[in-house]
Amino acid sequence: MQPAGPFRITGALGYCQVGKVWAAVDGQGRQLTVAVLEPAVAADRRWRDAFAAIANSLAQPAAGGQRYLYADFTANVPWVAYAVGSGPGAERIFQALGMKYQ
């Protein structure tokens, strides 16, 4: 499922057991990667909380401090978007959750 956000999805990049990563571009022309939980997974509050917690924890200086540009952790299908070239992409969220990203 493609998320609704302040960007336009341009293609799929990869997936894991609990979500997908999409390529996107925002209104300022910045290239993004967007991690999105699968709808069935998003129905589980524990996964939603873990997804948000990992995104926020990875933004801390001790974890490399890569802030996301956009996120909606309260959407029916939570998502988080990172600028391309500012460090690892959105797949980092799923890897930090212990998922095998492809």
PDB file of N, CA and C in Angstrom:
ATOM      1  N   MET A   1       0.847  -1.186   0.000  1.00  0.00           N
ATOM      2  CA  MET A   1       0.000   0.000   0.000  1.00  0.00           C
ATOM      3  C   MET A   1       0.880   1.233   0.000  1.00  0.00           C
ATOM      4  N   GLN A   2       0.589   2.166  -0.901  1.00  0.00           N
ATOM      5  CA  GLN A   2       1.340   3.410  -0.970  1.00  0.00           C
ATOM      6  C   GLN A   2       0.742   4.429  -0.007  1.00  0.00           C
ATOM      7  N   PRO A   3       1.604   5.102   0.771  1.00  0.00           N
ATOM      8  CA  PRO A   3       1.097   6.066   1.741  1.00  0.00           C
ATOM      9  C   PRO A   3       0.704   7.388   1.098  1.00  0.00           C
ATOM     10  N   ALA A   4      -0.170   8.122   1.772  1.00  0.00           N
ATOM     11  CA  ALA A   4      -0.491   9.489   1.370  1.00  0.00           C
ATOM     12  C   ALA A   4       0.386  10.400   2.213  1.00  0.00           C
ATOM     13  N   GLY A   5       1.090  11.297   1.573  1.00  0.00           N
ATOM     14  CA  GLY A   5       1.970  12.216   2.297  1.00  0.00           C
ATOM     15  C   GLY A   5       2.346  13.387   1.416  1.00  0.00           C
ATOM     16  N   PRO A   6       3.266  14.222   1.885  1.00  0.00           N
ATOM     17  CA  PRO A   6       3.676  15.401   1.119  1.00  0.00           C
ATOM     18  C   PRO A   6       4.722  15.051   0.062  1.00  0.00           C
ATOM     19  N   PHE A   7       4.460  13.992  -0.673  1.00  0.00           N
ATOM     20  CA  PHE A   7       5.385  13.508  -1.688  1.00  0.00           C
ATOM     21  C   PHE A   7       4.608  12.715  -2.719  1.00  0.00           C
ATOM     22  N   ARG A   8       5.292  12.411  -3.818  1.00  0.00           N
ATOM     23  CA  ARG A   8       4.726  11.581  -4.884  1.00  0.00           C
ATOM     24  C   ARG A   8       5.582  10.326  -4.988  1.00  0.00           C
ATOM     25  N   ILE A   9       4.966   9.168  -4.869  1.00  0.00           N
ATOM     26  CA  ILE A   9       5.675   7.888  -4.987  1.00  0.00           C
ATOM     27  C   ILE A   9       6.114   7.709  -6.441  1.00  0.00           C
ATOM     28  N   THR A  10       7.384   7.305  -6.634  1.00  0.00           N
ATOM     29  CA  THR A  10       7.899   7.104  -7.987  1.00  0.00           C
ATOM     30  C   THR A  10       8.230   5.647  -8.287  1.00  0.00           C
ATOM     31  N   GLY A  11       8.267   4.800  -7.250  1.00  0.00           N
ATOM     32  CA  GLY A  11       8.535   3.390  -7.497  1.00  0.00           C
ATOM     33  C   GLY A  11       8.829   2.633  -6.220  1.00  0.00           C
ATOM     34  N   ALA A  12       8.809   1.315  -6.330  1.00  0.00           N
ATOM     35  CA  ALA A  12       9.119   0.441  -5.202  1.00  0.00           C
ATOM     36  C   ALA A  12      10.626   0.208  -5.145  1.00  0.00           C
ATOM     37  N   LEU A  13      11.167   0.152  -3.926  1.00  0.00           N
ATOM     38  CA  LEU A  13      12.596  -0.100  -3.747  1.00  0.00           C
ATOM     39  C   LEU A  13      12.889  -1.451  -3.113  1.00  0.00           C
ATOM     40  N   GLY A  14      12.064  -1.885  -2.180  1.00  0.00           N
ATOM     41  CA  GLY A  14      12.310  -3.147  -1.504  1.00  0.00           C
ATOM     42  C   GLY A  14      11.215  -3.461  -0.510  1.00  0.00           C
ATOM     43  N   TYR A  15      11.373  -4.615   0.150  1.00  0.00           N
ATOM     44  CA  TYR A  15      10.335  -5.054   1.077  1.00  0.00           C
ATOM     45  C   TYR A  15      10.945  -5.965   2.133  1.00  0.00           C
ATOM     46  N   CYS A  16      10.165  -6.219   3.161  1.00  0.00           N
ATOM     47  CA  CYS A  16      10.491  -7.199   4.184  1.00  0.00           C
ATOM     48  C   CYS A  16       9.180  -7.793   4.675  1.00  0.00           C
ATOM     49  N   GLN A  17       9.238  -8.574   5.734  1.00  0.00           N
ATOM     50  CA  GLN A  17       8.056  -9.269   6.227  1.00  0.00           C
ATOM     51  C   GLN A  17       6.963  -8.316   6.706  1.00  0.00           C
ATOM     52  N   VAL A  18       7.332  -7.117   7.149  1.00  0.00           N
ATOM     53  CA  VAL A  18       6.354  -6.219   7.774  1.00  0.00           C
ATOM     54  C   VAL A  18       6.112  -4.920   7.022  1.00  0.00           C
ATOM     55  N   GLY A  19       6.814  -4.696   5.910  1.00  0.00           N
ATOM     56  CA  GLY A  19       6.606  -3.431   5.212  1.00  0.00           C
ATOM     57  C   GLY A  19       7.350  -3.325   3.902  1.00  0.00           C
ATOM     58  N   LYS A  20       7.217  -2.149   3.294  1.00  0.00           N
ATOM     59  CA  LYS A  20       7.844  -1.857   2.004  1.00  0.00           C
ATOM     60  C   LYS A  20       8.551  -0.511   2.073  1.00  0.00           C
ATOM     61  N   VAL A  21       9.503  -0.334   1.164  1.00  0.00           N
ATOM     62  CA  VAL A  21      10.182   0.952   1.009  1.00  0.00           C
ATOM     63  C   VAL A  21       9.944   1.429  -0.415  1.00  0.00           C
ATOM     64  N   TRP A  22       9.554   2.685  -0.517  1.00  0.00           N
ATOM     65  CA  TRP A  22       9.229   3.313  -1.795  1.00  0.00           C
ATOM     66  C   TRP A  22      10.182   4.461  -2.079  1.00  0.00           C
ATOM     67  N   ALA A  23      10.435   4.723  -3.350  1.00  0.00           N
ATOM     68  CA  ALA A  23      11.128   5.936  -3.780  1.00  0.00           C
ATOM     69  C   ALA A  23      10.050   6.999  -3.984  1.00  0.00           C
ATOM     70  N   ALA A  24      10.381   8.235  -3.646  1.00  0.00           N
ATOM     71  CA  ALA A  24       9.411   9.321  -3.780  1.00  0.00           C
ATOM     72  C   ALA A  24      10.147  10.629  -4.014  1.00  0.00           C
ATOM     73  N   VAL A  25       9.393  11.659  -4.354  1.00  0.00           N
ATOM     74  CA  VAL A  25       9.916  13.012  -4.500  1.00  0.00           C
ATOM     75  C   VAL A  25       8.933  13.953  -3.813  1.00  0.00           C
ATOM     76  N   ASP A  26       9.471  14.928  -3.074  1.00  0.00           N
ATOM     77  CA  ASP A  26       8.570  15.856  -2.389  1.00  0.00           C
ATOM     78  C   ASP A  26       8.320  17.099  -3.235  1.00  0.00           C
ATOM     79  N   GLY A  27       7.527  18.014  -2.733  1.00  0.00           N
ATOM     80  CA  GLY A  27       7.161  19.228  -3.463  1.00  0.00           C
ATOM     81  C   GLY A  27       8.322  20.155  -3.760  1.00  0.00           C
ATOM     82  N   GLN A  28       9.447  19.974  -3.052  1.00  0.00           N
ATOM     83  CA  GLN A  28      10.647  20.785  -3.294  1.00  0.00           C
ATOM     84  C   GLN A  28      11.625  20.078  -4.225  1.00  0.00           C
ATOM     85  N   GLY A  29      11.212  18.937  -4.753  1.00  0.00           N
ATOM     86  CA  GLY A  29      12.045  18.188  -5.686  1.00  0.00           C
ATOM     87  C   GLY A  29      13.072  17.284  -5.024  1.00  0.00           C
ATOM     88  N   ARG A  30      13.020  17.131  -3.712  1.00  0.00           N
ATOM     89  CA  ARG A  30      13.969  16.255  -3.017  1.00  0.00           C
ATOM     90  C   ARG A  30      13.584  14.798  -3.216  1.00  0.00           C
ATOM     91  N   GLN A  31      14.574  13.983  -3.486  1.00  0.00           N
ATOM     92  CA  GLN A  31      14.384  12.537  -3.595  1.00  0.00           C
ATOM     93  C   GLN A  31      14.289  11.960  -2.192  1.00  0.00           C
ATOM     94  N   LEU A  32      13.339  11.047  -1.986  1.00  0.00           N
ATOM     95  CA  LEU A  32      13.095  10.460  -0.681  1.00  0.00           C
ATOM     96  C   LEU A  32      13.028   8.946  -0.762  1.00  0.00           C
ATOM     97  N   THR A  33      13.230   8.299   0.388  1.00  0.00           N
ATOM     98  CA  THR A  33      12.847   6.905   0.556  1.00  0.00           C
ATOM     99  C   THR A  33      11.822   6.884   1.687  1.00  0.00           C
ATOM    100  N   VAL A  34      10.772   6.082   1.508  1.00  0.00           N
ATOM    101  CA  VAL A  34       9.655   6.070   2.448  1.00  0.00           C
ATOM    102  C   VAL A  34       9.398   4.636   2.901  1.00  0.00           C
ATOM    103  N   ALA A  35       9.505   4.400   4.213  1.00  0.00           N
ATOM    104  CA  ALA A  35       9.191   3.095   4.802  1.00  0.00           C
ATOM    105  C   ALA A  35       7.731   3.100   5.226  1.00  0.00           C
ATOM    106  N   VAL A  36       7.024   2.020   4.895  1.00  0.00           N
ATOM    107  CA  VAL A  36       5.591   1.917   5.185  1.00  0.00           C
ATOM    108  C   VAL A  36       5.309   0.537   5.766  1.00  0.00           C
ATOM    109  N   LEU A  37       4.592   0.504   6.888  1.00  0.00           N
ATOM    110  CA  LEU A  37       4.163  -0.783   7.440  1.00  0.00           C
ATOM    111  C   LEU A  37       3.059  -1.379   6.572  1.00  0.00           C
ATOM    112  N   GLU A  38       3.026  -2.701   6.474  1.00  0.00           N
ATOM    113  CA  GLU A  38       1.941  -3.389   5.783  1.00  0.00           C
ATOM    114  C   GLU A  38       0.652  -3.182   6.583  1.00  0.00           C
ATOM    115  N   PRO A  39      -0.500  -3.065   5.919  1.00  0.00           N
ATOM    116  CA  PRO A  39      -1.762  -2.835   6.633  1.00  0.00           C
ATOM    117  C   PRO A  39      -2.061  -3.853   7.737  1.00  0.00           C
ATOM    118  N   ALA A  40      -1.840  -5.138   7.474  1.00  0.00           N
ATOM    119  CA  ALA A  40      -2.125  -6.151   8.500  1.00  0.00           C
ATOM    120  C   ALA A  40      -1.210  -5.978   9.714  1.00  0.00           C
ATOM    121  N   VAL A  41       0.024  -5.609   9.476  1.00  0.00           N
ATOM    122  CA  VAL A  41       0.982  -5.379  10.561  1.00  0.00           C
ATOM    123  C   VAL A  41       0.609  -4.105  11.320  1.00  0.00           C
ATOM    124  N   ALA A  42       0.188  -3.087  10.587  1.00  0.00           N
ATOM    125  CA  ALA A  42      -0.179  -1.811  11.197  1.00  0.00           C
ATOM    126  C   ALA A  42      -1.380  -1.934  12.127  1.00  0.00           C
ATOM    127  N   ALA A  43      -2.147  -3.001  11.981  1.00  0.00           N
ATOM    128  CA  ALA A  43      -3.303  -3.224  12.860  1.00  0.00           C
ATOM    129  C   ALA A  43      -2.866  -3.623  14.274  1.00  0.00           C
ATOM    130  N   ASP A  44      -1.612  -4.012  14.412  1.00  0.00           N
ATOM    131  CA  ASP A  44      -1.076  -4.424  15.713  1.00  0.00           C
ATOM    132  C   ASP A  44      -0.375  -3.232  16.368  1.00  0.00           C
ATOM    133  N   ARG A  45      -0.922  -2.759  17.469  1.00  0.00           N
ATOM    134  CA  ARG A  45      -0.381  -1.584  18.175  1.00  0.00           C
ATOM    135  C   ARG A  45       1.090  -1.758  18.511  1.00  0.00           C
ATOM    136  N   ARG A  46       1.541  -2.968  18.829  1.00  0.00           N
ATOM    137  CA  ARG A  46       2.952  -3.191  19.177  1.00  0.00           C
ATOM    138  C   ARG A  46       3.872  -2.875  18.006  1.00  0.00           C
ATOM    139  N   TRP A  47       3.468  -3.275  16.794  1.00  0.00           N
ATOM    140  CA  TRP A  47       4.291  -2.971  15.618  1.00  0.00           C
ATOM    141  C   TRP A  47       4.296  -1.470  15.342  1.00  0.00           C
ATOM    142  N   ARG A  48       3.134  -0.838  15.477  1.00  0.00           N
ATOM    143  CA  ARG A  48       3.050   0.614  15.246  1.00  0.00           C
ATOM    144  C   ARG A  48       3.980   1.356  16.212  1.00  0.00           C
ATOM    145  N   ASP A  49       3.918   0.964  17.483  1.00  0.00           N
ATOM    146  CA  ASP A  49       4.747   1.611  18.494  1.00  0.00           C
ATOM    147  C   ASP A  49       6.235   1.357  18.246  1.00  0.00           C
ATOM    148  N   ALA A  50       6.575   0.129  17.875  1.00  0.00           N
ATOM    149  CA  ALA A  50       7.973  -0.205  17.598  1.00  0.00           C
ATOM    150  C   ALA A  50       8.495   0.573  16.398  1.00  0.00           C
ATOM    151  N   PHE A  51       7.680   0.693  15.354  1.00  0.00           N
ATOM    152  CA  PHE A  51       8.052   1.434  14.136  1.00  0.00           C
ATOM    153  C   PHE A  51       8.372   2.892  14.492  1.00  0.00           C
ATOM    154  N   ALA A  52       7.488   3.543  15.228  1.00  0.00           N
ATOM    155  CA  ALA A  52       7.700   4.940  15.635  1.00  0.00           C
ATOM    156  C   ALA A  52       8.897   5.068  16.568  1.00  0.00           C
ATOM    157  N   ALA A  53       9.028   4.151  17.511  1.00  0.00           N
ATOM    158  CA  ALA A  53      10.133   4.215  18.464  1.00  0.00           C
ATOM    159  C   ALA A  53      11.483   4.075  17.773  1.00  0.00           C
ATOM    160  N   ILE A  54      11.574   3.160  16.808  1.00  0.00           N
ATOM    161  CA  ILE A  54      12.834   2.983  16.074  1.00  0.00           C
ATOM    162  C   ILE A  54      13.167   4.235  15.277  1.00  0.00           C
ATOM    163  N   ALA A  55      12.192   4.807  14.584  1.00  0.00           N
ATOM    164  CA  ALA A  55      12.444   6.034  13.810  1.00  0.00           C
ATOM    165  C   ALA A  55      12.949   7.153  14.720  1.00  0.00           C
ATOM    166  N   ASN A  56      12.327   7.305  15.878  1.00  0.00           N
ATOM    167  CA  ASN A  56      12.740   8.354  16.805  1.00  0.00           C
ATOM    168  C   ASN A  56      14.089   8.045  17.444  1.00  0.00           C
ATOM    169  N   SER A  57      14.346   6.785  17.745  1.00  0.00           N
ATOM    170  CA  SER A  57      15.624   6.422  18.339  1.00  0.00           C
ATOM    171  C   SER A  57      16.778   6.590  17.348  1.00  0.00           C
ATOM    172  N   LEU A  58      16.557   6.256  16.074  1.00  0.00           N
ATOM    173  CA  LEU A  58      17.607   6.416  15.067  1.00  0.00           C
ATOM    174  C   LEU A  58      17.929   7.889  14.798  1.00  0.00           C
ATOM    175  N   ALA A  59      17.035   8.778  15.172  1.00  0.00           N
ATOM    176  CA  ALA A  59      17.265  10.212  14.978  1.00  0.00           C
ATOM    177  C   ALA A  59      18.150  10.805  16.075  1.00  0.00           C
ATOM    178  N   GLN A  60      18.413  10.045  17.128  1.00  0.00           N
ATOM    179  CA  GLN A  60      19.238  10.541  18.230  1.00  0.00           C
ATOM    180  C   GLN A  60      20.711  10.570  17.824  1.00  0.00           C
ATOM    181  N   PRO A  61      21.476  11.546  18.314  1.00  0.00           N
ATOM    182  CA  PRO A  61      22.896  11.662  17.963  1.00  0.00           C
ATOM    183  C   PRO A  61      23.698  10.376  18.185  1.00  0.00           C
ATOM    184  N   ALA A  62      23.431   9.641  19.238  1.00  0.00           N
ATOM    185  CA  ALA A  62      24.181   8.410  19.531  1.00  0.00           C
ATOM    186  C   ALA A  62      23.947   7.332  18.475  1.00  0.00           C
ATOM    187  N   ALA A  63      22.841   7.415  17.744  1.00  0.00           N
ATOM    188  CA  ALA A  63      22.524   6.418  16.713  1.00  0.00           C
ATOM    189  C   ALA A  63      22.851   6.922  15.311  1.00  0.00           C
ATOM    190  N   GLY A  64      23.570   8.000  15.215  1.00  0.00           N
ATOM    191  CA  GLY A  64      23.911   8.561  13.914  1.00  0.00           C
ATOM    192  C   GLY A  64      23.134   9.812  13.607  1.00  0.00           C
ATOM    193  N   GLY A  65      22.070  10.051  14.330  1.00  0.00           N
ATOM    194  CA  GLY A  65      21.330  11.306  14.247  1.00  0.00           C
ATOM    195  C   GLY A  65      20.646  11.623  12.937  1.00  0.00           C
ATOM    196  N   GLN A  66      20.291  10.609  12.153  1.00  0.00           N
ATOM    197  CA  GLN A  66      19.618  10.902  10.892  1.00  0.00           C
ATOM    198  C   GLN A  66      18.138  11.137  11.142  1.00  0.00           C
ATOM    199  N   ARG A  67      17.720  12.390  11.020  1.00  0.00           N
ATOM    200  CA  ARG A  67      16.305  12.742  11.210  1.00  0.00           C
ATOM    201  C   ARG A  67      15.527  12.435   9.950  1.00  0.00           C
ATOM    202  N   TYR A  68      14.301  12.030  10.141  1.00  0.00           N
ATOM    203  CA  TYR A  68      13.415  11.865   9.002  1.00  0.00           C
ATOM    204  C   TYR A  68      12.852  13.234   8.623  1.00  0.00           C
ATOM    205  N   LEU A  69      12.468  13.392   7.362  1.00  0.00           N
ATOM    206  CA  LEU A  69      11.892  14.658   6.895  1.00  0.00           C
ATOM    207  C   LEU A  69      10.402  14.730   7.172  1.00  0.00           C
ATOM    208  N   TYR A  70       9.734  13.605   6.988  1.00  0.00           N
ATOM    209  CA  TYR A  70       8.289  13.535   7.162  1.00  0.00           C
ATOM    210  C   TYR A  70       7.946  12.202   7.815  1.00  0.00           C
ATOM    211  N   ALA A  71       6.859  12.177   8.545  1.00  0.00           N
ATOM    212  CA  ALA A  71       6.369  10.922   9.116  1.00  0.00           C
ATOM    213  C   ALA A  71       4.919  11.101   9.528  1.00  0.00           C
ATOM    214  N   ASP A  72       4.197   9.994   9.507  1.00  0.00           N
ATOM    215  CA  ASP A  72       2.860   9.965  10.079  1.00  0.00           C
ATOM    216  C   ASP A  72       2.705   8.606  10.752  1.00  0.00           C
ATOM    217  N   PHE A  73       2.965   8.607  12.066  1.00  0.00           N
ATOM    218  CA  PHE A  73       2.887   7.378  12.837  1.00  0.00           C
ATOM    219  C   PHE A  73       1.463   7.077  13.283  1.00  0.00           C
ATOM    220  N   THR A  74       0.539   8.015  13.070  1.00  0.00           N
ATOM    221  CA  THR A  74      -0.854   7.809  13.471  1.00  0.00           C
ATOM    222  C   THR A  74      -1.765   7.456  12.294  1.00  0.00           C
ATOM    223  N   ALA A  75      -1.220   7.442  11.087  1.00  0.00           N
ATOM    224  CA  ALA A  75      -2.002   7.077   9.901  1.00  0.00           C
ATOM    225  C   ALA A  75      -2.463   5.623  10.016  1.00  0.00           C
ATOM    226  N   ASN A  76      -3.483   5.259   9.266  1.00  0.00           N
ATOM    227  CA  ASN A  76      -3.921   3.856   9.236  1.00  0.00           C
ATOM    228  C   ASN A  76      -2.753   2.939   8.903  1.00  0.00           C
ATOM    229  N   VAL A  77      -1.902   3.387   8.004  1.00  0.00           N
ATOM    230  CA  VAL A  77      -0.683   2.678   7.642  1.00  0.00           C
ATOM    231  C   VAL A  77       0.475   3.634   7.906  1.00  0.00           C
ATOM    232  N   PRO A  78       1.170   3.498   9.054  1.00  0.00           N
ATOM    233  CA  PRO A  78       2.245   4.427   9.408  1.00  0.00           C
ATOM    234  C   PRO A  78       3.388   4.416   8.389  1.00  0.00           C
ATOM    235  N   TRP A  79       4.017   5.576   8.224  1.00  0.00           N
ATOM    236  CA  TRP A  79       5.126   5.711   7.289  1.00  0.00           C
ATOM    237  C   TRP A  79       6.116   6.742   7.821  1.00  0.00           C
ATOM    238  N   VAL A  80       7.329   6.692   7.281  1.00  0.00           N
ATOM    239  CA  VAL A  80       8.389   7.650   7.613  1.00  0.00           C
ATOM    240  C   VAL A  80       9.243   7.850   6.369  1.00  0.00           C
ATOM    241  N   ALA A  81       9.634   9.106   6.097  1.00  0.00           N
ATOM    242  CA  ALA A  81      10.377   9.436   4.873  1.00  0.00           C
ATOM    243  C   ALA A  81      11.710  10.108   5.198  1.00  0.00           C
ATOM    244  N   TYR A  82      12.748   9.687   4.478  1.00  0.00           N
ATOM    245  CA  TYR A  82      14.099  10.224   4.615  1.00  0.00           C
ATOM    246  C   TYR A  82      14.568  10.795   3.291  1.00  0.00           C
ATOM    247  N   ALA A  83      15.392  11.842   3.363  1.00  0.00           N
ATOM    248  CA  ALA A  83      15.999  12.408   2.158  1.00  0.00           C
ATOM    249  C   ALA A  83      17.077  11.456   1.650  1.00  0.00           C
ATOM    250  N   VAL A  84      17.139  11.267   0.358  1.00  0.00           N
ATOM    251  CA  VAL A  84      18.194  10.465  -0.258  1.00  0.00           C
ATOM    252  C   VAL A  84      19.495  11.255  -0.142  1.00  0.00           C
ATOM    253  N   GLY A  85      20.564  10.571   0.193  1.00  0.00           N
ATOM    254  CA  GLY A  85      21.865  11.219   0.281  1.00  0.00           C
ATOM    255  C   GLY A  85      22.185  11.759   1.669  1.00  0.00           C
ATOM    256  N   SER A  86      21.242  11.650   2.612  1.00  0.00           N
ATOM    257  CA  SER A  86      21.501  12.153   3.962  1.00  0.00           C
ATOM    258  C   SER A  86      21.910  11.023   4.905  1.00  0.00           C
ATOM    259  N   GLY A  87      22.238   9.878   4.345  1.00  0.00           N
ATOM    260  CA  GLY A  87      22.597   8.711   5.148  1.00  0.00           C
ATOM    261  C   GLY A  87      21.802   7.522   4.666  1.00  0.00           C
ATOM    262  N   PRO A  88      21.758   6.467   5.486  1.00  0.00           N
ATOM    263  CA  PRO A  88      20.985   5.295   5.087  1.00  0.00           C
ATOM    264  C   PRO A  88      19.532   5.672   4.817  1.00  0.00           C
ATOM    265  N   GLY A  89      18.900   4.931   3.943  1.00  0.00           N
ATOM    266  CA  GLY A  89      17.520   5.236   3.595  1.00  0.00           C
ATOM    267  C   GLY A  89      16.521   4.645   4.575  1.00  0.00           C
ATOM    268  N   ALA A  90      15.270   4.696   4.186  1.00  0.00           N
ATOM    269  CA  ALA A  90      14.172   4.244   5.039  1.00  0.00           C
ATOM    270  C   ALA A  90      14.254   2.763   5.370  1.00  0.00           C
ATOM    271  N   GLU A  91      14.985   1.989   4.578  1.00  0.00           N
ATOM    272  CA  GLU A  91      15.127   0.562   4.882  1.00  0.00           C
ATOM    273  C   GLU A  91      15.790   0.345   6.243  1.00  0.00           C
ATOM    274  N   ARG A  92      16.505   1.347   6.709  1.00  0.00           N
ATOM    275  CA  ARG A  92      17.165   1.271   8.014  1.00  0.00           C
ATOM    276  C   ARG A  92      16.150   0.974   9.134  1.00  0.00           C
ATOM    277  N   ILE A  93      14.935   1.476   9.002  1.00  0.00           N
ATOM    278  CA  ILE A  93      13.895   1.235  10.007  1.00  0.00           C
ATOM    279  C   ILE A  93      13.634  -0.263  10.127  1.00  0.00           C
ATOM    280  N   PHE A  94      13.415  -0.923   8.995  1.00  0.00           N
ATOM    281  CA  PHE A  94      13.103  -2.347   9.018  1.00  0.00           C
ATOM    282  C   PHE A  94      14.302  -3.180   9.475  1.00  0.00           C
ATOM    283  N   GLN A  95      15.504  -2.788   9.066  1.00  0.00           N
ATOM    284  CA  GLN A  95      16.698  -3.503   9.506  1.00  0.00           C
ATOM    285  C   GLN A  95      16.863  -3.385  11.020  1.00  0.00           C
ATOM    286  N   ALA A  96      16.601  -2.201  11.565  1.00  0.00           N
ATOM    287  CA  ALA A  96      16.701  -1.999  13.013  1.00  0.00           C
ATOM    288  C   ALA A  96      15.639  -2.790  13.773  1.00  0.00           C
ATOM    289  N   LEU A  97      14.537  -3.102  13.102  1.00  0.00           N
ATOM    290  CA  LEU A  97      13.492  -3.943  13.704  1.00  0.00           C
ATOM    291  C   LEU A  97      13.811  -5.432  13.591  1.00  0.00           C
ATOM    292  N   GLY A  98      14.971  -5.741  12.992  1.00  0.00           N
ATOM    293  CA  GLY A  98      15.390  -7.138  12.872  1.00  0.00           C
ATOM    294  C   GLY A  98      14.827  -7.860  11.666  1.00  0.00           C
ATOM    295  N   MET A  99      14.297  -7.129  10.716  1.00  0.00           N
ATOM    296  CA  MET A  99      13.692  -7.733   9.532  1.00  0.00           C
ATOM    297  C   MET A  99      14.738  -7.926   8.429  1.00  0.00           C
ATOM    298  N   LYS A 100      14.521  -8.931   7.593  1.00  0.00           N
ATOM    299  CA  LYS A 100      15.400  -9.186   6.449  1.00  0.00           C
ATOM    300  C   LYS A 100      14.864  -8.358   5.271  1.00  0.00           C
ATOM    301  N   TYR A 101      15.517  -7.244   4.983  1.00  0.00           N
ATOM    302  CA  TYR A 101      15.097  -6.345   3.918  1.00  0.00           C
ATOM    303  C   TYR A 101      15.712  -6.782   2.598  1.00  0.00           C
ATOM    304  N   GLN A 102      14.888  -6.808   1.529  1.00  0.00           N
ATOM    305  CA  GLN A 102      15.378  -7.178   0.182  1.00  0.00           C
ATOM    306  C   GLN A 102      14.976  -6.118  -0.812  1.00  0.00           C
TER     307      GLN A 102
END
